[in-house]
PDB file of N, CA and C in Angstrom:
ATOM      1  N   MET A   1      12.780  14.462  16.471  1.00  0.00           N
ATOM      2  CA  MET A   1      13.880  14.608  15.534  1.00  0.00           C
ATOM      3  C   MET A   1      14.387  13.220  15.153  1.00  0.00           C
ATOM      4  N   PRO A   2      14.455  12.903  13.862  1.00  0.00           N
ATOM      5  CA  PRO A   2      14.928  11.587  13.451  1.00  0.00           C
ATOM      6  C   PRO A   2      16.402  11.395  13.781  1.00  0.00           C
ATOM      7  N   ASP A   3      16.736  10.167  14.145  1.00  0.00           N
ATOM      8  CA  ASP A   3      18.137   9.890  14.444  1.00  0.00           C
ATOM      9  C   ASP A   3      18.904   9.567  13.166  1.00  0.00           C
ATOM     10  N   ALA A   4      20.206   9.428  13.311  1.00  0.00           N
ATOM     11  CA  ALA A   4      21.069   9.227  12.146  1.00  0.00           C
ATOM     12  C   ALA A   4      20.818   7.884  11.468  1.00  0.00           C
ATOM     13  N   SER A   5      20.437   6.857  12.241  1.00  0.00           N
ATOM     14  CA  SER A   5      20.244   5.536  11.642  1.00  0.00           C
ATOM     15  C   SER A   5      19.034   5.512  10.706  1.00  0.00           C
ATOM     16  N   SER A   6      17.957   6.221  11.067  1.00  0.00           N
ATOM     17  CA  SER A   6      16.797   6.237  10.173  1.00  0.00           C
ATOM     18  C   SER A   6      17.108   7.025   8.909  1.00  0.00           C
ATOM     19  N   LYS A   7      17.868   8.090   9.023  1.00  0.00           N
ATOM     20  CA  LYS A   7      18.265   8.857   7.845  1.00  0.00           C
ATOM     21  C   LYS A   7      19.175   8.010   6.950  1.00  0.00           C
ATOM     22  N   LYS A   8      20.056   7.229   7.570  1.00  0.00           N
ATOM     23  CA  LYS A   8      20.958   6.376   6.803  1.00  0.00           C
ATOM     24  C   LYS A   8      20.170   5.306   6.047  1.00  0.00           C
ATOM     25  N   SER A   9      19.122   4.748   6.665  1.00  0.00           N
ATOM     26  CA  SER A   9      18.347   3.705   6.001  1.00  0.00           C
ATOM     27  C   SER A   9      17.567   4.274   4.812  1.00  0.00           C
ATOM     28  N   VAL A  10      17.082   5.501   4.934  1.00  0.00           N
ATOM     29  CA  VAL A  10      16.384   6.130   3.809  1.00  0.00           C
ATOM     30  C   VAL A  10      17.347   6.368   2.666  1.00  0.00           C
ATOM     31  N   VAL A  11      18.548   6.825   2.983  1.00  0.00           N
ATOM     32  CA  VAL A  11      19.558   7.059   1.955  1.00  0.00           C
ATOM     33  C   VAL A  11      19.944   5.736   1.296  1.00  0.00           C
ATOM     34  N   ALA A  12      20.080   4.672   2.089  1.00  0.00           N
ATOM     35  CA  ALA A  12      20.424   3.367   1.529  1.00  0.00           C
ATOM     36  C   ALA A  12      19.319   2.866   0.620  1.00  0.00           C
ATOM     37  N   PHE A  13      18.065   3.083   1.019  1.00  0.00           N
ATOM     38  CA  PHE A  13      16.941   2.648   0.189  1.00  0.00           C
ATOM     39  C   PHE A  13      16.918   3.393  -1.140  1.00  0.00           C
ATOM     40  N   LEU A  14      17.104   4.697  -1.089  1.00  0.00           N
ATOM     41  CA  LEU A  14      17.044   5.496  -2.305  1.00  0.00           C
ATOM     42  C   LEU A  14      18.241   5.235  -3.220  1.00  0.00           C
ATOM     43  N   SER A  15      19.364   4.858  -2.653  1.00  0.00           N
ATOM     44  CA  SER A  15      20.538   4.605  -3.494  1.00  0.00           C
ATOM     45  C   SER A  15      20.595   3.170  -3.997  1.00  0.00           C
ATOM     46  N   GLY A  16      19.652   2.318  -3.563  1.00  0.00           N
ATOM     47  CA  GLY A  16      19.615   0.944  -4.025  1.00  0.00           C
ATOM     48  C   GLY A  16      20.620   0.030  -3.348  1.00  0.00           C
ATOM     49  N   LYS A  17      21.099   0.393  -2.162  1.00  0.00           N
ATOM     50  CA  LYS A  17      22.101  -0.416  -1.473  1.00  0.00           C
ATOM     51  C   LYS A  17      21.486  -1.280  -0.377  1.00  0.00           C
ATOM     52  N   MET A  18      20.203  -1.545  -0.460  1.00  0.00           N
ATOM     53  CA  MET A  18      19.549  -2.422   0.512  1.00  0.00           C
ATOM     54  C   MET A  18      19.559  -3.847  -0.021  1.00  0.00           C
ATOM     55  N   PRO A  19      19.479  -4.815   0.876  1.00  0.00           N
ATOM     56  CA  PRO A  19      19.358  -6.203   0.409  1.00  0.00           C
ATOM     57  C   PRO A  19      18.095  -6.380  -0.430  1.00  0.00           C
ATOM     58  N   PHE A  20      18.152  -7.333  -1.346  1.00  0.00           N
ATOM     59  CA  PHE A  20      17.047  -7.540  -2.270  1.00  0.00           C
ATOM     60  C   PHE A  20      15.751  -7.878  -1.549  1.00  0.00           C
ATOM     61  N   TRP A  21      15.815  -8.679  -0.482  1.00  0.00           N
ATOM     62  CA  TRP A  21      14.587  -9.079   0.206  1.00  0.00           C
ATOM     63  C   TRP A  21      13.917  -7.892   0.890  1.00  0.00           C
ATOM     64  N   VAL A  22      14.707  -6.918   1.353  1.00  0.00           N
ATOM     65  CA  VAL A  22      14.115  -5.727   1.980  1.00  0.00           C
ATOM     66  C   VAL A  22      13.408  -4.898   0.917  1.00  0.00           C
ATOM     67  N   TYR A  23      14.042  -4.748  -0.224  1.00  0.00           N
ATOM     68  CA  TYR A  23      13.434  -4.009  -1.332  1.00  0.00           C
ATOM     69  C   TYR A  23      12.137  -4.687  -1.774  1.00  0.00           C
ATOM     70  N   GLY A  24      12.154  -6.017  -1.876  1.00  0.00           N
ATOM     71  CA  GLY A  24      10.951  -6.760  -2.246  1.00  0.00           C
ATOM     72  C   GLY A  24       9.850  -6.598  -1.218  1.00  0.00           C
ATOM     73  N   PHE A  25      10.229  -6.577   0.061  1.00  0.00           N
ATOM     74  CA  PHE A  25       9.237  -6.386   1.119  1.00  0.00           C
ATOM     75  C   PHE A  25       8.602  -5.006   1.003  1.00  0.00           C
ATOM     76  N   TYR A  26       9.410  -3.979   0.778  1.00  0.00           N
ATOM     77  CA  TYR A  26       8.870  -2.625   0.608  1.00  0.00           C
ATOM     78  C   TYR A  26       7.906  -2.561  -0.572  1.00  0.00           C
ATOM     79  N   LEU A  27       8.263  -3.197  -1.674  1.00  0.00           N
ATOM     80  CA  LEU A  27       7.368  -3.208  -2.831  1.00  0.00           C
ATOM     81  C   LEU A  27       6.061  -3.932  -2.505  1.00  0.00           C
ATOM     82  N   HIS A  28       6.144  -5.006  -1.739  1.00  0.00           N
ATOM     83  CA  HIS A  28       4.954  -5.755  -1.338  1.00  0.00           C
ATOM     84  C   HIS A  28       4.033  -4.887  -0.477  1.00  0.00           C
ATOM     85  N   VAL A  29       4.597  -4.152   0.450  1.00  0.00           N
ATOM     86  CA  VAL A  29       3.810  -3.283   1.324  1.00  0.00           C
ATOM     87  C   VAL A  29       3.167  -2.151   0.520  1.00  0.00           C
ATOM     88  N   ILE A  30       3.920  -1.556  -0.382  1.00  0.00           N
ATOM     89  CA  ILE A  30       3.380  -0.470  -1.213  1.00  0.00           C
ATOM     90  C   ILE A  30       2.243  -0.980  -2.096  1.00  0.00           C
ATOM     91  N   ALA A  31       2.424  -2.159  -2.685  1.00  0.00           N
ATOM     92  CA  ALA A  31       1.358  -2.741  -3.511  1.00  0.00           C
ATOM     93  C   ALA A  31       0.120  -3.027  -2.681  1.00  0.00           C
ATOM     94  N   GLY A  32       0.311  -3.467  -1.453  1.00  0.00           N
ATOM     95  CA  GLY A  32      -0.822  -3.710  -0.563  1.00  0.00           C
ATOM     96  C   GLY A  32      -1.592  -2.439  -0.248  1.00  0.00           C
ATOM     97  N   PHE A  33      -0.870  -1.360   0.008  1.00  0.00           N
ATOM     98  CA  PHE A  33      -1.541  -0.080   0.267  1.00  0.00           C
ATOM     99  C   PHE A  33      -2.328   0.391  -0.956  1.00  0.00           C
ATOM    100  N   ILE A  34      -1.743   0.247  -2.129  1.00  0.00           N
ATOM    101  CA  ILE A  34      -2.423   0.673  -3.353  1.00  0.00           C
ATOM    102  C   ILE A  34      -3.663  -0.173  -3.602  1.00  0.00           C
ATOM    103  N   ALA A  35      -3.557  -1.490  -3.416  1.00  0.00           N
ATOM    104  CA  ALA A  35      -4.704  -2.380  -3.631  1.00  0.00           C
ATOM    105  C   ALA A  35      -5.819  -2.089  -2.629  1.00  0.00           C
ATOM    106  N   THR A  36      -5.458  -1.843  -1.378  1.00  0.00           N
ATOM    107  CA  THR A  36      -6.462  -1.535  -0.366  1.00  0.00           C
ATOM    108  C   THR A  36      -7.149  -0.210  -0.669  1.00  0.00           C
ATOM    109  N   ALA A  37      -6.383   0.787  -1.076  1.00  0.00           N
ATOM    110  CA  ALA A  37      -6.969   2.083  -1.420  1.00  0.00           C
ATOM    111  C   ALA A  37      -7.924   1.955  -2.603  1.00  0.00           C
ATOM    112  N   ALA A  38      -7.538   1.174  -3.609  1.00  0.00           N
ATOM    113  CA  ALA A  38      -8.405   0.983  -4.769  1.00  0.00           C
ATOM    114  C   ALA A  38      -9.689   0.265  -4.368  1.00  0.00           C
ATOM    115  N   HIS A  39      -9.581  -0.743  -3.524  1.00  0.00           N
ATOM    116  CA  HIS A  39     -10.757  -1.477  -3.068  1.00  0.00           C
ATOM    117  C   HIS A  39     -11.720  -0.552  -2.322  1.00  0.00           C
ATOM    118  N   TYR A  40     -11.191   0.236  -1.381  1.00  0.00           N
ATOM    119  CA  TYR A  40     -12.054   1.128  -0.621  1.00  0.00           C
ATOM    120  C   TYR A  40     -12.666   2.213  -1.509  1.00  0.00           C
ATOM    121  N   PHE A  41     -11.926   2.680  -2.505  1.00  0.00           N
ATOM    122  CA  PHE A  41     -12.472   3.685  -3.412  1.00  0.00           C
ATOM    123  C   PHE A  41     -13.646   3.119  -4.206  1.00  0.00           C
ATOM    124  N   VAL A  42     -13.465   1.922  -4.770  1.00  0.00           N
ATOM    125  CA  VAL A  42     -14.543   1.299  -5.543  1.00  0.00           C
ATOM    126  C   VAL A  42     -15.735   1.001  -4.635  1.00  0.00           C
ATOM    127  N   MET A  43     -15.462   0.515  -3.436  1.00  0.00           N
ATOM    128  CA  MET A  43     -16.545   0.216  -2.499  1.00  0.00           C
ATOM    129  C   MET A  43     -17.298   1.495  -2.128  1.00  0.00           C
ATOM    130  N   PHE A  44     -16.587   2.582  -1.890  1.00  0.00           N
ATOM    131  CA  PHE A  44     -17.223   3.856  -1.561  1.00  0.00           C
ATOM    132  C   PHE A  44     -18.132   4.325  -2.696  1.00  0.00           C
ATOM    133  N   VAL A  45     -17.626   4.248  -3.932  1.00  0.00           N
ATOM    134  CA  VAL A  45     -18.417   4.684  -5.090  1.00  0.00           C
ATOM    135  C   VAL A  45     -19.672   3.830  -5.236  1.00  0.00           C
ATOM    136  N   LEU A  46     -19.529   2.517  -5.084  1.00  0.00           N
ATOM    137  CA  LEU A  46     -20.687   1.636  -5.230  1.00  0.00           C
ATOM    138  C   LEU A  46     -21.720   1.869  -4.133  1.00  0.00           C
ATOM    139  N   ILE A  47     -21.276   2.125  -2.927  1.00  0.00           N
ATOM    140  CA  ILE A  47     -22.217   2.422  -1.842  1.00  0.00           C
ATOM    141  C   ILE A  47     -22.927   3.737  -2.109  1.00  0.00           C
ATOM    142  N   ARG A  48     -22.204   4.730  -2.608  1.00  0.00           N
ATOM    143  CA  ARG A  48     -22.826   6.031  -2.921  1.00  0.00           C
ATOM    144  C   ARG A  48     -23.835   5.902  -4.069  1.00  0.00           C
ATOM    145  N   LEU A  49     -23.632   4.898  -4.936  1.00  0.00           N
ATOM    146  CA  LEU A  49     -24.573   4.672  -6.031  1.00  0.00           C
ATOM    147  C   LEU A  49     -25.783   3.848  -5.596  1.00  0.00           C
ATOM    148  N   GLY A  50     -25.829   3.423  -4.332  1.00  0.00           N
ATOM    149  CA  GLY A  50     -26.991   2.741  -3.803  1.00  0.00           C
ATOM    150  C   GLY A  50     -26.840   1.249  -3.559  1.00  0.00           C
ATOM    151  N   MET A  51     -25.671   0.688  -3.804  1.00  0.00           N
ATOM    152  CA  MET A  51     -25.470  -0.741  -3.578  1.00  0.00           C
ATOM    153  C   MET A  51     -25.276  -0.979  -2.079  1.00  0.00           C
ATOM    154  N   THR A  52     -25.679  -2.147  -1.613  1.00  0.00           N
ATOM    155  CA  THR A  52     -25.490  -2.459  -0.194  1.00  0.00           C
ATOM    156  C   THR A  52     -23.998  -2.653   0.103  1.00  0.00           C
ATOM    157  N   GLY A  53     -23.639  -2.479   1.358  1.00  0.00           N
ATOM    158  CA  GLY A  53     -22.242  -2.603   1.755  1.00  0.00           C
ATOM    159  C   GLY A  53     -21.676  -3.983   1.505  1.00  0.00           C
ATOM    160  N   LEU A  54     -22.489  -5.025   1.748  1.00  0.00           N
ATOM    161  CA  LEU A  54     -22.012  -6.390   1.535  1.00  0.00           C
ATOM    162  C   LEU A  54     -21.694  -6.641   0.068  1.00  0.00           C
ATOM    163  N   LEU A  55     -22.578  -6.267  -0.824  1.00  0.00           N
ATOM    164  CA  LEU A  55     -22.325  -6.467  -2.248  1.00  0.00           C
ATOM    165  C   LEU A  55     -21.185  -5.596  -2.762  1.00  0.00           C
ATOM    166  N   ALA A  56     -21.098  -4.374  -2.243  1.00  0.00           N
ATOM    167  CA  ALA A  56     -20.047  -3.461  -2.692  1.00  0.00           C
ATOM    168  C   ALA A  56     -18.661  -3.941  -2.258  1.00  0.00           C
ATOM    169  N   SER A  57     -18.586  -4.679  -1.162  1.00  0.00           N
ATOM    170  CA  SER A  57     -17.272  -5.097  -0.665  1.00  0.00           C
ATOM    171  C   SER A  57     -16.833  -6.466  -1.195  1.00  0.00           C
ATOM    172  N   LEU A  58     -17.670  -7.143  -1.965  1.00  0.00           N
ATOM    173  CA  LEU A  58     -17.278  -8.442  -2.523  1.00  0.00           C
ATOM    174  C   LEU A  58     -16.191  -8.258  -3.563  1.00  0.00           C
ATOM    175  N   ASN A  59     -15.286  -9.193  -3.606  1.00  0.00           N
ATOM    176  CA  ASN A  59     -14.187  -9.139  -4.575  1.00  0.00           C
ATOM    177  C   ASN A  59     -14.400 -10.243  -5.598  1.00  0.00           C
ATOM    178  N   PHE A  60     -14.664  -9.872  -6.826  1.00  0.00           N
ATOM    179  CA  PHE A  60     -14.951 -10.846  -7.889  1.00  0.00           C
ATOM    180  C   PHE A  60     -13.714 -11.175  -8.718  1.00  0.00           C
ATOM    181  N   ALA A  61     -12.555 -10.684  -8.329  1.00  0.00           N
ATOM    182  CA  ALA A  61     -11.339 -10.934  -9.107  1.00  0.00           C
ATOM    183  C   ALA A  61     -10.790 -12.308  -8.853  1.00  0.00           C
TER     184      ALA A  61
END
């Protein structure tokens, strides 16, 4: 069962009453998850199409 402090922090986050650096950190973490998911998705597709794992995991950006 979540305690009151974790519920309060979620409410503070959703209402925009968190410090700016915490909000920026959350955005950084979310962007990292999205970028990692996109990388693994592209790598999975390329491997399924017959490319080797090493070539499929290279980042040309």
